[in-house]
Amino acid sequence: MSMPSVDLYDDSFVDPDELKMPESPQHRDAANLIEQMAGHPRPPGGSWEFIARTDTDKEIFRLCMQDEARHVSYGTLELKNYLDVQDDPTEALEQLHRFADLGEQIILTALSSPALLEPIAILMGGDLKHIDHGLDGVEILWAVIMDEYLQRCERAGFDRRSRCTLPLELATA
């Protein structure tokens, strides 16, 4: 049995109407919004490398942060473009706010899980004995996450400051 021949560069089968920007947020738009919310922030000091114990771990953190920065930047531009091309930008903005109202709660649930926070606190504290110091660092990190998220939303023309459902400060005690 042989496979049919397919010309990967033949786009004659594409309906031009399908290439238009959707009238309402679709999965990709919601995914970009959630990427904005979950984008990995720069911790105090500007790099995650401070929690790494080896040079290899430091390099991995550095490369991961560079890669994530590209994703978050792209997502911010996609949100801005989505809002810029809408016939009814007010309605499009309201739809994105509804996505964010729900998405922020999903992100809060994920990012405030003890299964995530405790290992980060141990790494930030240096060891289990200093987890309290690490939890202080987690609270600072949350403030950075929130500040960067709100800044990215604002740059995209999607100001969440008055509607944000996430706490601006995370109480770990």
N, C-alpha and C. Protein backbone atom coordinates (compact mmCIF):
# COMPACT_ATOMS: atom_id res chain seq x y z
N MET A 1 0.85 -1.18 0.00
CA MET A 1 0.00 0.00 0.00
C MET A 1 0.89 1.24 0.00
N SER A 2 0.65 2.14 -0.92
CA SER A 2 1.46 3.34 -0.99
C SER A 2 0.65 4.54 -0.50
N MET A 3 1.38 5.50 0.01
CA MET A 3 0.76 6.71 0.51
C MET A 3 0.46 7.64 -0.66
N PRO A 4 -0.66 8.36 -0.63
CA PRO A 4 -0.94 9.31 -1.70
C PRO A 4 0.07 10.45 -1.68
N SER A 5 0.34 10.97 -2.84
CA SER A 5 1.28 12.09 -2.95
C SER A 5 0.55 13.38 -2.56
N VAL A 6 1.20 14.16 -1.73
CA VAL A 6 0.61 15.41 -1.26
C VAL A 6 1.61 16.53 -1.48
N ASP A 7 1.16 17.58 -2.12
CA ASP A 7 2.00 18.76 -2.30
C ASP A 7 1.79 19.67 -1.09
N LEU A 8 2.79 19.74 -0.21
CA LEU A 8 2.65 20.52 1.02
C LEU A 8 2.56 22.01 0.77
N TYR A 9 2.93 22.45 -0.42
CA TYR A 9 2.91 23.87 -0.71
C TYR A 9 1.69 24.28 -1.52
N ASP A 10 0.80 23.35 -1.80
CA ASP A 10 -0.42 23.65 -2.56
C ASP A 10 -1.49 24.13 -1.59
N ASP A 11 -1.79 25.42 -1.62
CA ASP A 11 -2.80 25.95 -0.71
C ASP A 11 -4.11 26.24 -1.44
N SER A 12 -4.31 25.65 -2.60
CA SER A 12 -5.53 25.92 -3.36
C SER A 12 -6.77 25.38 -2.65
N PHE A 13 -6.59 24.45 -1.71
CA PHE A 13 -7.73 23.87 -1.00
C PHE A 13 -8.17 24.74 0.18
N VAL A 14 -7.44 25.79 0.49
CA VAL A 14 -7.76 26.63 1.64
C VAL A 14 -8.83 27.64 1.25
N ASP A 15 -9.89 27.67 2.03
CA ASP A 15 -10.95 28.64 1.83
C ASP A 15 -10.49 29.98 2.40
N PRO A 16 -10.39 31.04 1.59
CA PRO A 16 -9.90 32.33 2.10
C PRO A 16 -10.72 32.86 3.27
N ASP A 17 -12.02 32.53 3.33
CA ASP A 17 -12.85 33.00 4.44
C ASP A 17 -12.40 32.41 5.77
N GLU A 18 -11.80 31.22 5.73
CA GLU A 18 -11.33 30.59 6.96
C GLU A 18 -10.09 31.27 7.52
N LEU A 19 -9.42 32.07 6.70
CA LEU A 19 -8.19 32.73 7.14
C LEU A 19 -8.45 34.05 7.83
N LYS A 20 -9.70 34.51 7.84
CA LYS A 20 -10.03 35.77 8.49
C LYS A 20 -9.97 35.62 10.00
N MET A 21 -9.68 36.72 10.68
CA MET A 21 -9.67 36.73 12.14
C MET A 21 -11.08 36.41 12.64
N PRO A 22 -11.21 35.52 13.60
CA PRO A 22 -12.54 35.18 14.10
C PRO A 22 -13.22 36.38 14.74
N GLU A 23 -14.56 36.34 14.75
CA GLU A 23 -15.32 37.44 15.30
C GLU A 23 -15.32 37.42 16.83
N SER A 24 -15.10 36.26 17.40
CA SER A 24 -15.04 36.17 18.85
C SER A 24 -13.81 35.36 19.23
N PRO A 25 -13.35 35.50 20.46
CA PRO A 25 -12.16 34.77 20.85
C PRO A 25 -12.34 33.27 20.65
N GLN A 26 -11.36 32.66 20.07
CA GLN A 26 -11.36 31.22 19.86
C GLN A 26 -10.33 30.60 20.78
N HIS A 27 -10.13 29.31 20.63
CA HIS A 27 -9.21 28.57 21.49
C HIS A 27 -7.82 29.23 21.51
N ARG A 28 -7.32 29.60 20.33
CA ARG A 28 -5.98 30.19 20.26
C ARG A 28 -5.91 31.49 21.05
N ASP A 29 -6.96 32.29 20.93
CA ASP A 29 -6.98 33.56 21.64
C ASP A 29 -7.03 33.34 23.15
N ALA A 30 -7.83 32.37 23.58
CA ALA A 30 -7.89 32.06 25.00
C ALA A 30 -6.56 31.49 25.47
N ALA A 31 -5.94 30.66 24.64
CA ALA A 31 -4.63 30.10 25.00
C ALA A 31 -3.60 31.21 25.14
N ASN A 32 -3.63 32.20 24.23
CA ASN A 32 -2.69 33.32 24.34
C ASN A 32 -2.93 34.11 25.62
N LEU A 33 -4.21 34.28 25.97
CA LEU A 33 -4.53 35.00 27.19
C LEU A 33 -3.99 34.25 28.41
N ILE A 34 -4.22 32.94 28.43
CA ILE A 34 -3.72 32.16 29.56
C ILE A 34 -2.20 32.15 29.58
N GLU A 35 -1.57 32.14 28.41
CA GLU A 35 -0.10 32.24 28.34
C GLU A 35 0.35 33.55 28.99
N GLN A 36 -0.40 34.62 28.74
CA GLN A 36 -0.07 35.90 29.37
C GLN A 36 -0.14 35.80 30.88
N MET A 37 -1.15 35.09 31.37
CA MET A 37 -1.32 34.97 32.81
C MET A 37 -0.24 34.11 33.42
N ALA A 38 0.09 33.04 32.74
CA ALA A 38 1.01 32.06 33.31
C ALA A 38 2.45 32.30 32.90
N GLY A 39 2.69 33.29 32.07
CA GLY A 39 4.05 33.55 31.62
C GLY A 39 5.01 33.61 32.79
N HIS A 40 6.13 32.98 32.63
CA HIS A 40 7.07 32.89 33.74
C HIS A 40 7.74 34.22 33.99
N PRO A 41 7.61 34.75 35.18
CA PRO A 41 8.16 36.06 35.49
C PRO A 41 9.65 35.98 35.80
N ARG A 42 10.26 37.15 35.79
CA ARG A 42 11.63 37.25 36.30
C ARG A 42 11.52 37.42 37.80
N PRO A 43 12.18 36.60 38.56
CA PRO A 43 12.12 36.76 40.01
C PRO A 43 12.96 37.95 40.45
N PRO A 44 12.84 38.34 41.72
CA PRO A 44 13.68 39.42 42.21
C PRO A 44 15.14 39.09 41.93
N GLY A 45 15.86 40.04 41.37
CA GLY A 45 17.24 39.79 40.98
C GLY A 45 17.36 39.49 39.50
N GLY A 46 16.21 39.24 38.84
CA GLY A 46 16.19 39.13 37.40
C GLY A 46 16.42 37.75 36.80
N SER A 47 16.70 36.73 37.59
CA SER A 47 16.97 35.43 37.01
C SER A 47 16.64 34.30 37.97
N TRP A 48 16.16 33.21 37.41
CA TRP A 48 15.87 32.02 38.21
C TRP A 48 17.15 31.27 38.58
N GLU A 49 18.24 31.68 38.01
CA GLU A 49 19.50 30.97 38.24
C GLU A 49 19.89 30.93 39.72
N PHE A 50 19.37 31.85 40.51
CA PHE A 50 19.77 31.90 41.92
C PHE A 50 19.33 30.67 42.70
N ILE A 51 18.32 29.93 42.23
CA ILE A 51 17.92 28.73 42.96
C ILE A 51 18.64 27.48 42.45
N ALA A 52 19.39 27.63 41.36
CA ALA A 52 20.12 26.49 40.80
C ALA A 52 21.34 26.18 41.66
N ARG A 53 21.63 24.90 41.78
CA ARG A 53 22.76 24.45 42.60
C ARG A 53 24.01 24.14 41.78
N THR A 54 23.86 23.96 40.48
CA THR A 54 25.01 23.63 39.63
C THR A 54 25.06 24.58 38.44
N ASP A 55 26.20 24.65 37.79
CA ASP A 55 26.33 25.48 36.59
C ASP A 55 25.41 25.00 35.48
N THR A 56 25.24 23.69 35.38
CA THR A 56 24.35 23.13 34.36
C THR A 56 22.92 23.58 34.61
N ASP A 57 22.47 23.50 35.88
CA ASP A 57 21.12 23.95 36.21
C ASP A 57 20.95 25.44 35.91
N LYS A 58 21.97 26.23 36.20
CA LYS A 58 21.90 27.67 35.91
C LYS A 58 21.72 27.92 34.43
N GLU A 59 22.46 27.18 33.61
CA GLU A 59 22.35 27.34 32.16
C GLU A 59 20.97 26.91 31.67
N ILE A 60 20.44 25.82 32.21
CA ILE A 60 19.11 25.37 31.83
C ILE A 60 18.07 26.42 32.18
N PHE A 61 18.14 26.98 33.39
CA PHE A 61 17.20 28.04 33.78
C PHE A 61 17.30 29.24 32.85
N ARG A 62 18.53 29.62 32.53
CA ARG A 62 18.73 30.79 31.66
C ARG A 62 18.12 30.55 30.29
N LEU A 63 18.35 29.39 29.70
CA LEU A 63 17.81 29.08 28.37
C LEU A 63 16.29 28.96 28.39
N CYS A 64 15.76 28.36 29.45
CA CYS A 64 14.30 28.24 29.57
C CYS A 64 13.65 29.63 29.66
N MET A 65 14.26 30.52 30.41
CA MET A 65 13.69 31.86 30.55
C MET A 65 13.74 32.63 29.23
N GLN A 66 14.81 32.45 28.47
CA GLN A 66 14.88 33.10 27.16
C GLN A 66 13.77 32.59 26.25
N ASP A 67 13.56 31.27 26.26
CA ASP A 67 12.53 30.67 25.43
C ASP A 67 11.15 31.14 25.87
N GLU A 68 10.90 31.16 27.15
CA GLU A 68 9.59 31.58 27.66
C GLU A 68 9.33 33.05 27.36
N ALA A 69 10.37 33.87 27.41
CA ALA A 69 10.20 35.29 27.11
C ALA A 69 9.70 35.48 25.68
N ARG A 70 10.20 34.67 24.76
CA ARG A 70 9.72 34.76 23.37
C ARG A 70 8.24 34.40 23.29
N HIS A 71 7.82 33.34 23.99
CA HIS A 71 6.41 32.94 23.95
C HIS A 71 5.51 34.04 24.52
N VAL A 72 5.91 34.60 25.64
CA VAL A 72 5.08 35.61 26.29
C VAL A 72 5.01 36.87 25.43
N SER A 73 6.12 37.25 24.84
CA SER A 73 6.13 38.43 23.96
C SER A 73 5.21 38.21 22.76
N TYR A 74 5.28 37.04 22.17
CA TYR A 74 4.41 36.71 21.04
C TYR A 74 2.94 36.75 21.47
N GLY A 75 2.63 36.17 22.61
CA GLY A 75 1.25 36.17 23.10
C GLY A 75 0.73 37.58 23.33
N THR A 76 1.57 38.45 23.87
CA THR A 76 1.17 39.84 24.10
C THR A 76 0.84 40.52 22.77
N LEU A 77 1.70 40.31 21.77
CA LEU A 77 1.45 40.91 20.45
C LEU A 77 0.20 40.32 19.80
N GLU A 78 -0.05 39.03 19.98
CA GLU A 78 -1.25 38.41 19.43
C GLU A 78 -2.52 39.01 20.05
N LEU A 79 -2.51 39.21 21.37
CA LEU A 79 -3.67 39.83 22.02
C LEU A 79 -3.89 41.25 21.50
N LYS A 80 -2.81 42.00 21.39
CA LYS A 80 -2.92 43.36 20.88
C LYS A 80 -3.47 43.37 19.46
N ASN A 81 -2.94 42.49 18.63
CA ASN A 81 -3.42 42.40 17.25
C ASN A 81 -4.89 41.99 17.21
N TYR A 82 -5.27 41.03 18.01
CA TYR A 82 -6.67 40.59 18.04
C TYR A 82 -7.59 41.78 18.33
N LEU A 83 -7.23 42.55 19.34
CA LEU A 83 -8.08 43.70 19.71
C LEU A 83 -8.04 44.79 18.64
N ASP A 84 -6.89 44.97 18.00
CA ASP A 84 -6.75 46.03 16.99
C ASP A 84 -7.59 45.78 15.74
N VAL A 85 -7.86 44.53 15.40
CA VAL A 85 -8.55 44.23 14.13
C VAL A 85 -10.04 43.98 14.29
N GLN A 86 -10.57 44.11 15.48
CA GLN A 86 -11.98 43.82 15.71
C GLN A 86 -12.87 44.95 15.23
N ASP A 87 -13.99 44.58 14.59
CA ASP A 87 -14.98 45.58 14.18
C ASP A 87 -15.63 46.24 15.39
N ASP A 88 -15.82 45.47 16.44
CA ASP A 88 -16.41 45.98 17.68
C ASP A 88 -15.42 45.72 18.82
N PRO A 89 -14.42 46.60 18.97
CA PRO A 89 -13.39 46.35 19.98
C PRO A 89 -13.92 46.30 21.40
N THR A 90 -15.00 47.02 21.68
CA THR A 90 -15.57 47.00 23.03
C THR A 90 -16.11 45.61 23.36
N GLU A 91 -16.82 45.01 22.43
CA GLU A 91 -17.35 43.66 22.63
C GLU A 91 -16.21 42.64 22.71
N ALA A 92 -15.21 42.78 21.85
CA ALA A 92 -14.07 41.86 21.87
C ALA A 92 -13.34 41.96 23.21
N LEU A 93 -13.18 43.18 23.71
CA LEU A 93 -12.53 43.38 25.00
C LEU A 93 -13.33 42.74 26.12
N GLU A 94 -14.65 42.89 26.06
CA GLU A 94 -15.50 42.29 27.09
C GLU A 94 -15.41 40.76 27.04
N GLN A 95 -15.36 40.18 25.87
CA GLN A 95 -15.23 38.73 25.75
C GLN A 95 -13.90 38.26 26.34
N LEU A 96 -12.83 39.00 26.06
CA LEU A 96 -11.54 38.63 26.64
C LEU A 96 -11.55 38.77 28.16
N HIS A 97 -12.23 39.78 28.65
CA HIS A 97 -12.34 39.93 30.11
C HIS A 97 -13.07 38.72 30.71
N ARG A 98 -14.09 38.23 30.03
CA ARG A 98 -14.80 37.05 30.54
C ARG A 98 -13.87 35.83 30.55
N PHE A 99 -13.06 35.68 29.49
CA PHE A 99 -12.06 34.61 29.48
C PHE A 99 -11.11 34.76 30.66
N ALA A 100 -10.64 35.99 30.88
CA ALA A 100 -9.67 36.24 31.94
C ALA A 100 -10.27 36.02 33.32
N ASP A 101 -11.53 36.40 33.50
CA ASP A 101 -12.18 36.19 34.80
C ASP A 101 -12.11 34.72 35.20
N LEU A 102 -12.36 33.85 34.25
CA LEU A 102 -12.29 32.41 34.52
C LEU A 102 -10.84 31.93 34.54
N GLY A 103 -10.07 32.34 33.54
CA GLY A 103 -8.68 31.89 33.43
C GLY A 103 -7.83 32.26 34.63
N GLU A 104 -8.06 33.44 35.19
CA GLU A 104 -7.29 33.84 36.37
C GLU A 104 -7.54 32.91 37.54
N GLN A 105 -8.77 32.43 37.67
CA GLN A 105 -9.06 31.50 38.76
C GLN A 105 -8.40 30.14 38.54
N ILE A 106 -8.33 29.72 37.29
CA ILE A 106 -7.63 28.48 36.97
C ILE A 106 -6.14 28.62 37.29
N ILE A 107 -5.57 29.74 36.89
CA ILE A 107 -4.15 29.99 37.17
C ILE A 107 -3.91 30.08 38.67
N LEU A 108 -4.79 30.77 39.40
CA LEU A 108 -4.64 30.88 40.85
C LEU A 108 -4.63 29.50 41.49
N THR A 109 -5.54 28.64 41.07
CA THR A 109 -5.61 27.29 41.62
C THR A 109 -4.30 26.55 41.35
N ALA A 110 -3.79 26.67 40.13
CA ALA A 110 -2.56 25.95 39.77
C ALA A 110 -1.34 26.53 40.49
N LEU A 111 -1.22 27.85 40.52
CA LEU A 111 -0.01 28.47 41.07
C LEU A 111 -0.01 28.56 42.59
N SER A 112 -1.15 28.37 43.22
CA SER A 112 -1.17 28.46 44.68
C SER A 112 -1.23 27.07 45.32
N SER A 113 -1.04 26.04 44.54
CA SER A 113 -1.04 24.68 45.04
C SER A 113 0.19 24.43 45.92
N PRO A 114 0.00 23.84 47.09
CA PRO A 114 1.16 23.50 47.93
C PRO A 114 2.16 22.60 47.21
N ALA A 115 1.67 21.77 46.29
CA ALA A 115 2.57 20.88 45.54
C ALA A 115 3.55 21.68 44.67
N LEU A 116 3.20 22.90 44.32
CA LEU A 116 4.10 23.77 43.57
C LEU A 116 4.85 24.72 44.49
N LEU A 117 4.13 25.33 45.44
CA LEU A 117 4.74 26.36 46.28
C LEU A 117 5.80 25.82 47.23
N GLU A 118 5.55 24.66 47.82
CA GLU A 118 6.50 24.14 48.81
C GLU A 118 7.87 23.81 48.21
N PRO A 119 7.95 23.12 47.06
CA PRO A 119 9.27 22.90 46.48
C PRO A 119 9.99 24.20 46.11
N ILE A 120 9.23 25.17 45.57
CA ILE A 120 9.84 26.46 45.25
C ILE A 120 10.36 27.12 46.52
N ALA A 121 9.57 27.06 47.60
CA ALA A 121 10.00 27.67 48.86
C ALA A 121 11.25 26.98 49.40
N ILE A 122 11.32 25.67 49.28
CA ILE A 122 12.52 24.95 49.74
C ILE A 122 13.73 25.38 48.92
N LEU A 123 13.56 25.46 47.60
CA LEU A 123 14.67 25.90 46.75
C LEU A 123 15.07 27.34 47.05
N MET A 124 14.07 28.21 47.24
CA MET A 124 14.38 29.61 47.52
C MET A 124 15.01 29.78 48.90
N GLY A 125 14.61 28.95 49.85
CA GLY A 125 15.19 29.01 51.18
C GLY A 125 16.55 28.34 51.29
N GLY A 126 16.85 27.49 50.34
CA GLY A 126 18.14 26.82 50.36
C GLY A 126 18.06 25.37 50.84
N ASP A 127 17.13 25.10 51.73
CA ASP A 127 16.89 23.74 52.21
C ASP A 127 15.60 23.73 53.02
N LEU A 128 15.20 22.55 53.46
CA LEU A 128 13.93 22.40 54.18
C LEU A 128 13.91 23.19 55.49
N LYS A 129 15.05 23.30 56.14
CA LYS A 129 15.12 24.03 57.41
C LYS A 129 14.79 25.50 57.24
N HIS A 130 14.99 26.03 56.05
CA HIS A 130 14.77 27.46 55.80
C HIS A 130 13.55 27.71 54.91
N ILE A 131 12.58 26.80 54.97
CA ILE A 131 11.39 26.94 54.12
C ILE A 131 10.62 28.23 54.44
N ASP A 132 10.63 28.67 55.71
CA ASP A 132 9.94 29.91 56.05
C ASP A 132 10.53 31.09 55.29
N HIS A 133 11.86 31.14 55.20
CA HIS A 133 12.52 32.19 54.43
C HIS A 133 12.14 32.05 52.95
N GLY A 134 12.07 30.81 52.46
CA GLY A 134 11.67 30.57 51.08
C GLY A 134 10.24 31.00 50.82
N LEU A 135 9.35 30.81 51.79
CA LEU A 135 7.95 31.25 51.63
C LEU A 135 7.87 32.77 51.53
N ASP A 136 8.75 33.47 52.25
CA ASP A 136 8.81 34.93 52.08
C ASP A 136 9.18 35.26 50.63
N GLY A 137 10.12 34.49 50.09
CA GLY A 137 10.51 34.68 48.69
C GLY A 137 9.36 34.39 47.73
N VAL A 138 8.56 33.37 48.04
CA VAL A 138 7.40 33.04 47.21
C VAL A 138 6.41 34.20 47.20
N GLU A 139 6.21 34.84 48.34
CA GLU A 139 5.30 36.00 48.39
C GLU A 139 5.83 37.14 47.52
N ILE A 140 7.13 37.37 47.56
CA ILE A 140 7.73 38.40 46.70
C ILE A 140 7.58 38.00 45.24
N LEU A 141 7.80 36.72 44.94
CA LEU A 141 7.67 36.23 43.58
C LEU A 141 6.24 36.42 43.06
N TRP A 142 5.25 36.16 43.89
CA TRP A 142 3.85 36.36 43.49
C TRP A 142 3.60 37.82 43.11
N ALA A 143 4.13 38.74 43.91
CA ALA A 143 3.96 40.16 43.61
C ALA A 143 4.59 40.50 42.26
N VAL A 144 5.73 39.90 41.95
CA VAL A 144 6.38 40.11 40.65
C VAL A 144 5.51 39.52 39.53
N ILE A 145 4.99 38.31 39.75
CA ILE A 145 4.12 37.67 38.76
C ILE A 145 2.94 38.59 38.45
N MET A 146 2.29 39.09 39.50
CA MET A 146 1.11 39.93 39.30
C MET A 146 1.47 41.23 38.57
N ASP A 147 2.54 41.86 38.97
CA ASP A 147 2.94 43.11 38.34
C ASP A 147 3.23 42.91 36.86
N GLU A 148 3.97 41.85 36.53
CA GLU A 148 4.31 41.61 35.13
C GLU A 148 3.08 41.22 34.31
N TYR A 149 2.20 40.43 34.89
CA TYR A 149 0.97 40.04 34.19
C TYR A 149 0.14 41.28 33.86
N LEU A 150 -0.07 42.14 34.84
CA LEU A 150 -0.88 43.34 34.62
C LEU A 150 -0.21 44.29 33.62
N GLN A 151 1.11 44.37 33.65
CA GLN A 151 1.82 45.20 32.67
C GLN A 151 1.66 44.64 31.26
N ARG A 152 1.78 43.32 31.10
CA ARG A 152 1.63 42.71 29.78
C ARG A 152 0.21 42.93 29.25
N CYS A 153 -0.77 42.75 30.10
CA CYS A 153 -2.16 42.98 29.67
C CYS A 153 -2.33 44.42 29.21
N GLU A 154 -1.79 45.35 29.97
CA GLU A 154 -1.92 46.77 29.63
C GLU A 154 -1.24 47.07 28.29
N ARG A 155 -0.04 46.49 28.06
CA ARG A 155 0.66 46.70 26.79
C ARG A 155 -0.15 46.17 25.61
N ALA A 156 -0.94 45.14 25.85
CA ALA A 156 -1.76 44.56 24.78
C ALA A 156 -3.06 45.34 24.58
N GLY A 157 -3.30 46.37 25.39
CA GLY A 157 -4.55 47.12 25.29
C GLY A 157 -5.69 46.46 26.04
N PHE A 158 -5.34 45.66 27.02
CA PHE A 158 -6.30 44.84 27.76
C PHE A 158 -6.07 45.06 29.25
N ASP A 159 -6.46 46.23 29.73
CA ASP A 159 -6.17 46.61 31.11
C ASP A 159 -7.02 45.79 32.08
N ARG A 160 -6.36 44.99 32.91
CA ARG A 160 -7.04 44.13 33.87
C ARG A 160 -6.99 44.68 35.29
N ARG A 161 -6.35 45.81 35.50
CA ARG A 161 -6.14 46.29 36.86
C ARG A 161 -7.44 46.44 37.65
N SER A 162 -8.49 46.93 37.01
CA SER A 162 -9.74 47.15 37.74
C SER A 162 -10.59 45.88 37.84
N ARG A 163 -10.30 44.87 37.02
CA ARG A 163 -11.14 43.67 36.99
C ARG A 163 -10.41 42.40 37.42
N CYS A 164 -9.16 42.51 37.71
CA CYS A 164 -8.36 41.33 38.03
C CYS A 164 -8.96 40.58 39.23
N THR A 165 -9.13 39.28 39.07
CA THR A 165 -9.70 38.46 40.15
C THR A 165 -8.63 37.79 40.99
N LEU A 166 -7.38 38.01 40.64
CA LEU A 166 -6.27 37.42 41.39
C LEU A 166 -5.86 38.35 42.54
N PRO A 167 -5.43 37.77 43.64
CA PRO A 167 -4.92 38.63 44.72
C PRO A 167 -3.59 39.24 44.31
N LEU A 168 -3.40 40.52 44.61
CA LEU A 168 -2.13 41.15 44.28
C LEU A 168 -1.01 40.66 45.19
N GLU A 169 -1.37 40.18 46.36
CA GLU A 169 -0.40 39.61 47.29
C GLU A 169 -0.85 38.21 47.65
N LEU A 170 0.11 37.31 47.80
CA LEU A 170 -0.18 35.92 48.15
C LEU A 170 0.26 35.70 49.60
N ALA A 171 -0.68 35.34 50.44
CA ALA A 171 -0.35 35.05 51.83
C ALA A 171 -0.04 33.56 51.96
N THR A 172 1.20 33.23 52.32
CA THR A 172 1.61 31.83 52.42
C THR A 172 1.56 31.33 53.84
N ALA A 173 1.31 32.22 54.79
CA ALA A 173 1.29 31.81 56.20
C ALA A 173 -0.06 31.25 56.61
